[in-house]
Amino acid sequence: MNNETRSEILSLTKKAHDLTESAYQANSATRGKSGWGEKQRILLADMALHLLQTAIGDGELSEEGLKRNLFSILTISDQLIPGHELKVVAEKLYSIQFGS
């Protein structure tokens, strides 16, 4: 990807990230209460944007950053699609070495 395209994507991502974080902070729902699922969906979108930033950021891909992004996405997703043991998969990210 050329630098101009990368910069444009990252610029748009920053705007989307700012909007997403504002929406999350404005949502007062708490676990087990009405609106919690929506708040978790906003958080999932926020984490997906972090993943995008990690994936196309300058330099080499950070394995630790990628693991952190995937851990967050899988942990949140576990609440949204129960029964698939996604939290267990997330925890395995830190019990194995990437690239081995």
PDB file of N, CA and C in Angstrom:
ATOM      1  N   MET A   1       0.858  -1.159   0.000  1.00  0.00           N
ATOM      2  CA  MET A   1       0.000   0.000   0.000  1.00  0.00           C
ATOM      3  C   MET A   1       0.913   1.234   0.000  1.00  0.00           C
ATOM      4  N   ASN A   2       0.554   2.203  -0.798  1.00  0.00           N
ATOM      5  CA  ASN A   2       1.392   3.399  -0.829  1.00  0.00           C
ATOM      6  C   ASN A   2       1.089   4.288   0.388  1.00  0.00           C
ATOM      7  N   ASN A   3       2.034   5.173   0.681  1.00  0.00           N
ATOM      8  CA  ASN A   3       1.929   6.007   1.884  1.00  0.00           C
ATOM      9  C   ASN A   3       0.723   6.934   1.872  1.00  0.00           C
ATOM     10  N   GLU A   4       0.351   7.425   0.693  1.00  0.00           N
ATOM     11  CA  GLU A   4      -0.803   8.328   0.596  1.00  0.00           C
ATOM     12  C   GLU A   4      -2.087   7.600   0.983  1.00  0.00           C
ATOM     13  N   THR A   5      -2.255   6.396   0.459  1.00  0.00           N
ATOM     14  CA  THR A   5      -3.445   5.599   0.787  1.00  0.00           C
ATOM     15  C   THR A   5      -3.461   5.252   2.268  1.00  0.00           C
ATOM     16  N   ARG A   6      -2.304   4.820   2.778  1.00  0.00           N
ATOM     17  CA  ARG A   6      -2.197   4.470   4.196  1.00  0.00           C
ATOM     18  C   ARG A   6      -2.569   5.674   5.073  1.00  0.00           C
ATOM     19  N   SER A   7      -2.038   6.829   4.744  1.00  0.00           N
ATOM     20  CA  SER A   7      -2.325   8.042   5.527  1.00  0.00           C
ATOM     21  C   SER A   7      -3.796   8.402   5.484  1.00  0.00           C
ATOM     22  N   GLU A   8      -4.416   8.266   4.317  1.00  0.00           N
ATOM     23  CA  GLU A   8      -5.841   8.587   4.200  1.00  0.00           C
ATOM     24  C   GLU A   8      -6.685   7.622   5.027  1.00  0.00           C
ATOM     25  N   ILE A   9      -6.371   6.345   4.953  1.00  0.00           N
ATOM     26  CA  ILE A   9      -7.114   5.355   5.744  1.00  0.00           C
ATOM     27  C   ILE A   9      -6.949   5.640   7.231  1.00  0.00           C
ATOM     28  N   LEU A  10      -5.715   5.910   7.672  1.00  0.00           N
ATOM     29  CA  LEU A  10      -5.478   6.174   9.087  1.00  0.00           C
ATOM     30  C   LEU A  10      -6.170   7.455   9.549  1.00  0.00           C
ATOM     31  N   SER A  11      -6.243   8.452   8.671  1.00  0.00           N
ATOM     32  CA  SER A  11      -6.937   9.691   9.007  1.00  0.00           C
ATOM     33  C   SER A  11      -8.437   9.439   9.187  1.00  0.00           C
ATOM     34  N   LEU A  12      -9.026   8.688   8.264  1.00  0.00           N
ATOM     35  CA  LEU A  12     -10.446   8.355   8.379  1.00  0.00           C
ATOM     36  C   LEU A  12     -10.711   7.481   9.604  1.00  0.00           C
ATOM     37  N   THR A  13      -9.784   6.583   9.873  1.00  0.00           N
ATOM     38  CA  THR A  13      -9.917   5.712  11.034  1.00  0.00           C
ATOM     39  C   THR A  13      -9.886   6.521  12.322  1.00  0.00           C
ATOM     40  N   LYS A  14      -9.030   7.526  12.389  1.00  0.00           N
ATOM     41  CA  LYS A  14      -8.962   8.370  13.587  1.00  0.00           C
ATOM     42  C   LYS A  14     -10.297   9.065  13.820  1.00  0.00           C
ATOM     43  N   LYS A  15     -10.901   9.580  12.757  1.00  0.00           N
ATOM     44  CA  LYS A  15     -12.200  10.236  12.902  1.00  0.00           C
ATOM     45  C   LYS A  15     -13.255   9.226  13.371  1.00  0.00           C
ATOM     46  N   ALA A  16     -13.286   8.052  12.744  1.00  0.00           N
ATOM     47  CA  ALA A  16     -14.235   7.014  13.141  1.00  0.00           C
ATOM     48  C   ALA A  16     -13.990   6.588  14.587  1.00  0.00           C
ATOM     49  N   HIS A  17     -12.730   6.483  14.967  1.00  0.00           N
ATOM     50  CA  HIS A  17     -12.380   6.099  16.332  1.00  0.00           C
ATOM     51  C   HIS A  17     -12.861   7.138  17.340  1.00  0.00           C
ATOM     52  N   ASP A  18     -12.645   8.404  17.040  1.00  0.00           N
ATOM     53  CA  ASP A  18     -13.109   9.475  17.926  1.00  0.00           C
ATOM     54  C   ASP A  18     -14.626   9.434  18.097  1.00  0.00           C
ATOM     55  N   LEU A  19     -15.344   9.242  17.002  1.00  0.00           N
ATOM     56  CA  LEU A  19     -16.814   9.167  17.066  1.00  0.00           C
ATOM     57  C   LEU A  19     -17.273   7.951  17.863  1.00  0.00           C
ATOM     58  N   THR A  20     -16.606   6.841  17.651  1.00  0.00           N
ATOM     59  CA  THR A  20     -16.969   5.606  18.343  1.00  0.00           C
ATOM     60  C   THR A  20     -16.723   5.732  19.841  1.00  0.00           C
ATOM     61  N   GLU A  21     -15.584   6.280  20.213  1.00  0.00           N
ATOM     62  CA  GLU A  21     -15.297   6.461  21.633  1.00  0.00           C
ATOM     63  C   GLU A  21     -16.282   7.426  22.287  1.00  0.00           C
ATOM     64  N   SER A  22     -16.674   8.466  21.569  1.00  0.00           N
ATOM     65  CA  SER A  22     -17.673   9.399  22.104  1.00  0.00           C
ATOM     66  C   SER A  22     -19.007   8.698  22.323  1.00  0.00           C
ATOM     67  N   ALA A  23     -19.404   7.863  21.364  1.00  0.00           N
ATOM     68  CA  ALA A  23     -20.661   7.124  21.495  1.00  0.00           C
ATOM     69  C   ALA A  23     -20.600   6.155  22.674  1.00  0.00           C
ATOM     70  N   TYR A  24     -19.463   5.517  22.864  1.00  0.00           N
ATOM     71  CA  TYR A  24     -19.304   4.587  23.983  1.00  0.00           C
ATOM     72  C   TYR A  24     -19.415   5.334  25.309  1.00  0.00           C
ATOM     73  N   GLN A  25     -18.728   6.458  25.425  1.00  0.00           N
ATOM     74  CA  GLN A  25     -18.752   7.227  26.663  1.00  0.00           C
ATOM     75  C   GLN A  25     -20.138   7.805  26.956  1.00  0.00           C
ATOM     76  N   ALA A  26     -20.891   8.096  25.913  1.00  0.00           N
ATOM     77  CA  ALA A  26     -22.235   8.651  26.081  1.00  0.00           C
ATOM     78  C   ALA A  26     -23.253   7.593  26.479  1.00  0.00           C
ATOM     79  N   ASN A  27     -22.936   6.330  26.275  1.00  0.00           N
ATOM     80  CA  ASN A  27     -23.846   5.235  26.595  1.00  0.00           C
ATOM     81  C   ASN A  27     -23.653   4.862  28.062  1.00  0.00           C
ATOM     82  N   SER A  28     -24.680   5.053  28.861  1.00  0.00           N
ATOM     83  CA  SER A  28     -24.573   4.833  30.307  1.00  0.00           C
ATOM     84  C   SER A  28     -24.997   3.431  30.736  1.00  0.00           C
ATOM     85  N   ALA A  29     -25.246   2.544  29.793  1.00  0.00           N
ATOM     86  CA  ALA A  29     -25.696   1.194  30.129  1.00  0.00           C
ATOM     87  C   ALA A  29     -24.653   0.463  30.968  1.00  0.00           C
ATOM     88  N   THR A  30     -25.142  -0.405  31.850  1.00  0.00           N
ATOM     89  CA  THR A  30     -24.265  -1.241  32.664  1.00  0.00           C
ATOM     90  C   THR A  30     -24.616  -2.707  32.443  1.00  0.00           C
ATOM     91  N   ARG A  31     -23.651  -3.574  32.757  1.00  0.00           N
ATOM     92  CA  ARG A  31     -23.831  -5.021  32.540  1.00  0.00           C
ATOM     93  C   ARG A  31     -25.150  -5.505  33.141  1.00  0.00           C
ATOM     94  N   GLY A  32     -25.865  -6.252  32.335  1.00  0.00           N
ATOM     95  CA  GLY A  32     -27.130  -6.828  32.785  1.00  0.00           C
ATOM     96  C   GLY A  32     -28.331  -5.912  32.632  1.00  0.00           C
ATOM     97  N   LYS A  33     -28.106  -4.685  32.264  1.00  0.00           N
ATOM     98  CA  LYS A  33     -29.201  -3.718  32.113  1.00  0.00           C
ATOM     99  C   LYS A  33     -29.492  -3.482  30.632  1.00  0.00           C
ATOM    100  N   SER A  34     -30.626  -2.853  30.382  1.00  0.00           N
ATOM    101  CA  SER A  34     -31.016  -2.508  29.025  1.00  0.00           C
ATOM    102  C   SER A  34     -29.935  -1.657  28.360  1.00  0.00           C
ATOM    103  N   GLY A  35     -29.609  -1.982  27.131  1.00  0.00           N
ATOM    104  CA  GLY A  35     -28.633  -1.213  26.375  1.00  0.00           C
ATOM    105  C   GLY A  35     -27.208  -1.734  26.472  1.00  0.00           C
ATOM    106  N   TRP A  36     -26.959  -2.730  27.345  1.00  0.00           N
ATOM    107  CA  TRP A  36     -25.610  -3.260  27.507  1.00  0.00           C
ATOM    108  C   TRP A  36     -25.085  -3.886  26.210  1.00  0.00           C
ATOM    109  N   GLY A  37     -25.941  -4.622  25.503  1.00  0.00           N
ATOM    110  CA  GLY A  37     -25.530  -5.240  24.241  1.00  0.00           C
ATOM    111  C   GLY A  37     -25.089  -4.195  23.228  1.00  0.00           C
ATOM    112  N   GLU A  38     -25.830  -3.103  23.146  1.00  0.00           N
ATOM    113  CA  GLU A  38     -25.472  -2.012  22.228  1.00  0.00           C
ATOM    114  C   GLU A  38     -24.146  -1.387  22.625  1.00  0.00           C
ATOM    115  N   LYS A  39     -23.939  -1.205  23.912  1.00  0.00           N
ATOM    116  CA  LYS A  39     -22.673  -0.624  24.377  1.00  0.00           C
ATOM    117  C   LYS A  39     -21.504  -1.546  24.029  1.00  0.00           C
ATOM    118  N   GLN A  40     -21.715  -2.850  24.148  1.00  0.00           N
ATOM    119  CA  GLN A  40     -20.661  -3.806  23.791  1.00  0.00           C
ATOM    120  C   GLN A  40     -20.393  -3.819  22.289  1.00  0.00           C
ATOM    121  N   ARG A  41     -21.421  -3.611  21.500  1.00  0.00           N
ATOM    122  CA  ARG A  41     -21.224  -3.513  20.044  1.00  0.00           C
ATOM    123  C   ARG A  41     -20.393  -2.286  19.688  1.00  0.00           C
ATOM    124  N   ILE A  42     -20.627  -1.183  20.375  1.00  0.00           N
ATOM    125  CA  ILE A  42     -19.828   0.029  20.151  1.00  0.00           C
ATOM    126  C   ILE A  42     -18.373  -0.241  20.549  1.00  0.00           C
ATOM    127  N   LEU A  43     -18.183  -0.911  21.676  1.00  0.00           N
ATOM    128  CA  LEU A  43     -16.834  -1.249  22.122  1.00  0.00           C
ATOM    129  C   LEU A  43     -16.145  -2.178  21.124  1.00  0.00           C
ATOM    130  N   LEU A  44     -16.886  -3.127  20.578  1.00  0.00           N
ATOM    131  CA  LEU A  44     -16.336  -4.024  19.559  1.00  0.00           C
ATOM    132  C   LEU A  44     -15.896  -3.235  18.329  1.00  0.00           C
ATOM    133  N   ALA A  45     -16.704  -2.281  17.909  1.00  0.00           N
ATOM    134  CA  ALA A  45     -16.334  -1.435  16.766  1.00  0.00           C
ATOM    135  C   ALA A  45     -15.062  -0.653  17.080  1.00  0.00           C
ATOM    136  N   ASP A  46     -14.959  -0.137  18.299  1.00  0.00           N
ATOM    137  CA  ASP A  46     -13.763   0.589  18.719  1.00  0.00           C
ATOM    138  C   ASP A  46     -12.533  -0.306  18.634  1.00  0.00           C
ATOM    139  N   MET A  47     -12.656  -1.531  19.108  1.00  0.00           N
ATOM    140  CA  MET A  47     -11.521  -2.465  19.068  1.00  0.00           C
ATOM    141  C   MET A  47     -11.169  -2.856  17.634  1.00  0.00           C
ATOM    142  N   ALA A  48     -12.178  -2.946  16.773  1.00  0.00           N
ATOM    143  CA  ALA A  48     -11.915  -3.247  15.357  1.00  0.00           C
ATOM    144  C   ALA A  48     -11.120  -2.109  14.708  1.00  0.00           C
ATOM    145  N   LEU A  49     -11.412  -0.901  15.099  1.00  0.00           N
ATOM    146  CA  LEU A  49     -10.649   0.246  14.583  1.00  0.00           C
ATOM    147  C   LEU A  49      -9.211   0.221  15.095  1.00  0.00           C
ATOM    148  N   HIS A  50      -9.022  -0.194  16.337  1.00  0.00           N
ATOM    149  CA  HIS A  50      -7.658  -0.364  16.850  1.00  0.00           C
ATOM    150  C   HIS A  50      -6.917  -1.427  16.046  1.00  0.00           C
ATOM    151  N   LEU A  51      -7.609  -2.508  15.702  1.00  0.00           N
ATOM    152  CA  LEU A  51      -7.005  -3.558  14.883  1.00  0.00           C
ATOM    153  C   LEU A  51      -6.589  -3.013  13.523  1.00  0.00           C
ATOM    154  N   LEU A  52      -7.443  -2.213  12.918  1.00  0.00           N
ATOM    155  CA  LEU A  52      -7.112  -1.589  11.631  1.00  0.00           C
ATOM    156  C   LEU A  52      -5.856  -0.727  11.763  1.00  0.00           C
ATOM    157  N   GLN A  53      -5.786   0.062  12.814  1.00  0.00           N
ATOM    158  CA  GLN A  53      -4.612   0.909  13.033  1.00  0.00           C
ATOM    159  C   GLN A  53      -3.348   0.066  13.210  1.00  0.00           C
ATOM    160  N   THR A  54      -3.455  -1.021  13.939  1.00  0.00           N
ATOM    161  CA  THR A  54      -2.313  -1.913  14.131  1.00  0.00           C
ATOM    162  C   THR A  54      -1.893  -2.555  12.820  1.00  0.00           C
ATOM    163  N   ALA A  55      -2.879  -2.978  12.040  1.00  0.00           N
ATOM    164  CA  ALA A  55      -2.598  -3.705  10.797  1.00  0.00           C
ATOM    165  C   ALA A  55      -1.908  -2.851   9.745  1.00  0.00           C
ATOM    166  N   ILE A  56      -2.279  -1.590   9.646  1.00  0.00           N
ATOM    167  CA  ILE A  56      -1.712  -0.784   8.556  1.00  0.00           C
ATOM    168  C   ILE A  56      -0.821   0.343   9.036  1.00  0.00           C
ATOM    169  N   GLY A  57      -0.522   0.352  10.320  1.00  0.00           N
ATOM    170  CA  GLY A  57       0.369   1.382  10.846  1.00  0.00           C
ATOM    171  C   GLY A  57       1.755   1.286  10.221  1.00  0.00           C
ATOM    172  N   ASP A  58       2.532   2.328  10.391  1.00  0.00           N
ATOM    173  CA  ASP A  58       3.884   2.361   9.845  1.00  0.00           C
ATOM    174  C   ASP A  58       4.760   1.286  10.480  1.00  0.00           C
ATOM    175  N   GLY A  59       5.723   0.831   9.723  1.00  0.00           N
ATOM    176  CA  GLY A  59       6.703  -0.114  10.247  1.00  0.00           C
ATOM    177  C   GLY A  59       6.191  -1.547  10.250  1.00  0.00           C
ATOM    178  N   GLU A  60       6.947  -2.363  10.972  1.00  0.00           N
ATOM    179  CA  GLU A  60       6.600  -3.776  11.083  1.00  0.00           C
ATOM    180  C   GLU A  60       5.336  -3.966  11.923  1.00  0.00           C
ATOM    181  N   LEU A  61       4.603  -5.003  11.630  1.00  0.00           N
ATOM    182  CA  LEU A  61       3.416  -5.345  12.410  1.00  0.00           C
ATOM    183  C   LEU A  61       3.852  -5.748  13.816  1.00  0.00           C
ATOM    184  N   SER A  62       3.252  -5.154  14.812  1.00  0.00           N
ATOM    185  CA  SER A  62       3.553  -5.472  16.205  1.00  0.00           C
ATOM    186  C   SER A  62       2.792  -6.725  16.621  1.00  0.00           C
ATOM    187  N   GLU A  63       3.524  -7.801  16.901  1.00  0.00           N
ATOM    188  CA  GLU A  63       2.865  -9.028  17.348  1.00  0.00           C
ATOM    189  C   GLU A  63       2.103  -8.786  18.654  1.00  0.00           C
ATOM    190  N   GLU A  64       2.731  -8.055  19.565  1.00  0.00           N
ATOM    191  CA  GLU A  64       2.076  -7.792  20.845  1.00  0.00           C
ATOM    192  C   GLU A  64       0.812  -6.946  20.645  1.00  0.00           C
ATOM    193  N   GLY A  65       0.895  -5.944  19.775  1.00  0.00           N
ATOM    194  CA  GLY A  65      -0.281  -5.129  19.478  1.00  0.00           C
ATOM    195  C   GLY A  65      -1.387  -5.950  18.845  1.00  0.00           C
ATOM    196  N   LEU A  66      -1.020  -6.823  17.922  1.00  0.00           N
ATOM    197  CA  LEU A  66      -2.009  -7.679  17.265  1.00  0.00           C
ATOM    198  C   LEU A  66      -2.649  -8.624  18.275  1.00  0.00           C
ATOM    199  N   LYS A  67      -1.848  -9.230  19.139  1.00  0.00           N
ATOM    200  CA  LYS A  67      -2.400 -10.120  20.166  1.00  0.00           C
ATOM    201  C   LYS A  67      -3.360  -9.364  21.082  1.00  0.00           C
ATOM    202  N   ARG A  68      -2.974  -8.163  21.473  1.00  0.00           N
ATOM    203  CA  ARG A  68      -3.829  -7.341  22.353  1.00  0.00           C
ATOM    204  C   ARG A  68      -5.158  -7.020  21.659  1.00  0.00           C
ATOM    205  N   ASN A  69      -5.087  -6.635  20.372  1.00  0.00           N
ATOM    206  CA  ASN A  69      -6.309  -6.326  19.617  1.00  0.00           C
ATOM    207  C   ASN A  69      -7.218  -7.550  19.507  1.00  0.00           C
ATOM    208  N   LEU A  70      -6.629  -8.688  19.132  1.00  0.00           N
ATOM    209  CA  LEU A  70      -7.424  -9.908  18.971  1.00  0.00           C
ATOM    210  C   LEU A  70      -8.003 -10.371  20.304  1.00  0.00           C
ATOM    211  N   PHE A  71      -7.223 -10.266  21.375  1.00  0.00           N
ATOM    212  CA  PHE A  71      -7.707 -10.634  22.709  1.00  0.00           C
ATOM    213  C   PHE A  71      -8.958  -9.824  23.050  1.00  0.00           C
ATOM    214  N   SER A  72      -8.888  -8.512  22.827  1.00  0.00           N
ATOM    215  CA  SER A  72     -10.027  -7.643  23.137  1.00  0.00           C
ATOM    216  C   SER A  72     -11.240  -7.985  22.290  1.00  0.00           C
ATOM    217  N   ILE A  73     -11.029  -8.167  21.002  1.00  0.00           N
ATOM    218  CA  ILE A  73     -12.141  -8.483  20.092  1.00  0.00           C
ATOM    219  C   ILE A  73     -12.789  -9.809  20.467  1.00  0.00           C
ATOM    220  N   LEU A  74     -11.977 -10.825  20.738  1.00  0.00           N
ATOM    221  CA  LEU A  74     -12.533 -12.131  21.102  1.00  0.00           C
ATOM    222  C   LEU A  74     -13.252 -12.084  22.446  1.00  0.00           C
ATOM    223  N   THR A  75     -12.712 -11.338  23.403  1.00  0.00           N
ATOM    224  CA  THR A  75     -13.336 -11.242  24.724  1.00  0.00           C
ATOM    225  C   THR A  75     -14.698 -10.554  24.639  1.00  0.00           C
ATOM    226  N   ILE A  76     -14.775  -9.480  23.903  1.00  0.00           N
ATOM    227  CA  ILE A  76     -16.056  -8.784  23.729  1.00  0.00           C
ATOM    228  C   ILE A  76     -17.029  -9.656  22.941  1.00  0.00           C
ATOM    229  N   SER A  77     -16.540 -10.285  21.888  1.00  0.00           N
ATOM    230  CA  SER A  77     -17.392 -11.129  21.044  1.00  0.00           C
ATOM    231  C   SER A  77     -17.965 -12.309  21.807  1.00  0.00           C
ATOM    232  N   ASP A  78     -17.232 -12.788  22.807  1.00  0.00           N
ATOM    233  CA  ASP A  78     -17.708 -13.905  23.620  1.00  0.00           C
ATOM    234  C   ASP A  78     -19.039 -13.573  24.289  1.00  0.00           C
ATOM    235  N   GLN A  79     -19.228 -12.307  24.662  1.00  0.00           N
ATOM    236  CA  GLN A  79     -20.489 -11.872  25.267  1.00  0.00           C
ATOM    237  C   GLN A  79     -21.605 -11.773  24.229  1.00  0.00           C
ATOM    238  N   LEU A  80     -21.234 -11.465  22.991  1.00  0.00           N
ATOM    239  CA  LEU A  80     -22.226 -11.219  21.946  1.00  0.00           C
ATOM    240  C   LEU A  80     -22.668 -12.494  21.241  1.00  0.00           C
ATOM    241  N   ILE A  81     -21.785 -13.487  21.187  1.00  0.00           N
ATOM    242  CA  ILE A  81     -22.137 -14.778  20.582  1.00  0.00           C
ATOM    243  C   ILE A  81     -21.694 -15.902  21.522  1.00  0.00           C
ATOM    244  N   PRO A  82     -22.446 -16.076  22.615  1.00  0.00           N
ATOM    245  CA  PRO A  82     -22.070 -17.080  23.612  1.00  0.00           C
ATOM    246  C   PRO A  82     -22.102 -18.501  23.035  1.00  0.00           C
ATOM    247  N   GLY A  83     -21.384 -19.367  23.726  1.00  0.00           N
ATOM    248  CA  GLY A  83     -21.386 -20.769  23.350  1.00  0.00           C
ATOM    249  C   GLY A  83     -20.280 -21.161  22.398  1.00  0.00           C
ATOM    250  N   HIS A  84     -19.417 -20.222  22.053  1.00  0.00           N
ATOM    251  CA  HIS A  84     -18.329 -20.527  21.117  1.00  0.00           C
ATOM    252  C   HIS A  84     -16.963 -20.489  21.790  1.00  0.00           C
ATOM    253  N   GLU A  85     -16.948 -20.288  23.119  1.00  0.00           N
ATOM    254  CA  GLU A  85     -15.707 -20.328  23.886  1.00  0.00           C
ATOM    255  C   GLU A  85     -14.659 -19.336  23.374  1.00  0.00           C
ATOM    256  N   LEU A  86     -15.095 -18.175  22.921  1.00  0.00           N
ATOM    257  CA  LEU A  86     -14.157 -17.189  22.376  1.00  0.00           C
ATOM    258  C   LEU A  86     -13.230 -16.625  23.443  1.00  0.00           C
ATOM    259  N   LYS A  87     -13.685 -16.535  24.671  1.00  0.00           N
ATOM    260  CA  LYS A  87     -12.824 -16.067  25.763  1.00  0.00           C
ATOM    261  C   LYS A  87     -11.674 -17.058  25.966  1.00  0.00           C
ATOM    262  N   VAL A  88     -11.963 -18.348  25.848  1.00  0.00           N
ATOM    263  CA  VAL A  88     -10.916 -19.371  25.972  1.00  0.00           C
ATOM    264  C   VAL A  88      -9.891 -19.203  24.855  1.00  0.00           C
ATOM    265  N   VAL A  89     -10.369 -18.970  23.646  1.00  0.00           N
ATOM    266  CA  VAL A  89      -9.464 -18.735  22.513  1.00  0.00           C
ATOM    267  C   VAL A  89      -8.618 -17.490  22.781  1.00  0.00           C
ATOM    268  N   ALA A  90      -9.246 -16.439  23.296  1.00  0.00           N
ATOM    269  CA  ALA A  90      -8.529 -15.201  23.606  1.00  0.00           C
ATOM    270  C   ALA A  90      -7.410 -15.459  24.608  1.00  0.00           C
ATOM    271  N   GLU A  91      -7.708 -16.210  25.636  1.00  0.00           N
ATOM    272  CA  GLU A  91      -6.698 -16.484  26.665  1.00  0.00           C
ATOM    273  C   GLU A  91      -5.538 -17.302  26.114  1.00  0.00           C
ATOM    274  N   LYS A  92      -5.793 -18.131  25.117  1.00  0.00           N
ATOM    275  CA  LYS A  92      -4.728 -18.933  24.510  1.00  0.00           C
ATOM    276  C   LYS A  92      -3.722 -18.061  23.759  1.00  0.00           C
ATOM    277  N   LEU A  93      -4.126 -16.866  23.350  1.00  0.00           N
ATOM    278  CA  LEU A  93      -3.195 -15.973  22.663  1.00  0.00           C
ATOM    279  C   LEU A  93      -1.976 -15.660  23.522  1.00  0.00           C
ATOM    280  N   TYR A  94      -2.174 -15.659  24.818  1.00  0.00           N
ATOM    281  CA  TYR A  94      -1.071 -15.339  25.717  1.00  0.00           C
ATOM    282  C   TYR A  94      -0.387 -16.573  26.273  1.00  0.00           C
ATOM    283  N   SER A  95      -0.873 -17.759  25.904  1.00  0.00           N
ATOM    284  CA  SER A  95      -0.225 -18.986  26.378  1.00  0.00           C
ATOM    285  C   SER A  95       0.597 -19.647  25.276  1.00  0.00           C
ATOM    286  N   ILE A  96       0.548 -19.104  24.047  1.00  0.00           N
ATOM    287  CA  ILE A  96       1.345 -19.635  22.938  1.00  0.00           C
ATOM    288  C   ILE A  96       2.196 -18.531  22.352  1.00  0.00           C
ATOM    289  N   GLN A  97       3.217 -18.891  21.640  1.00  0.00           N
ATOM    290  CA  GLN A  97       4.060 -17.923  20.967  1.00  0.00           C
ATOM    291  C   GLN A  97       3.578 -17.747  19.541  1.00  0.00           C
ATOM    292  N   PHE A  98       3.452 -16.501  19.080  1.00  0.00           N
ATOM    293  CA  PHE A  98       3.106 -16.223  17.690  1.00  0.00           C
ATOM    294  C   PHE A  98       4.237 -16.698  16.794  1.00  0.00           C
ATOM    295  N   GLY A  99       3.891 -17.220  15.647  1.00  0.00           N
ATOM    296  CA  GLY A  99       4.870 -17.590  14.640  1.00  0.00           C
ATOM    297  C   GLY A  99       5.570 -18.901  14.915  1.00  0.00           C
ATOM    298  N   SER A 100       5.179 -19.642  15.909  1.00  0.00           N
ATOM    299  CA  SER A 100       5.846 -20.922  16.161  1.00  0.00           C
ATOM    300  C   SER A 100       5.007 -22.083  15.716  1.00  0.00           C
TER     301      SER A 100
END
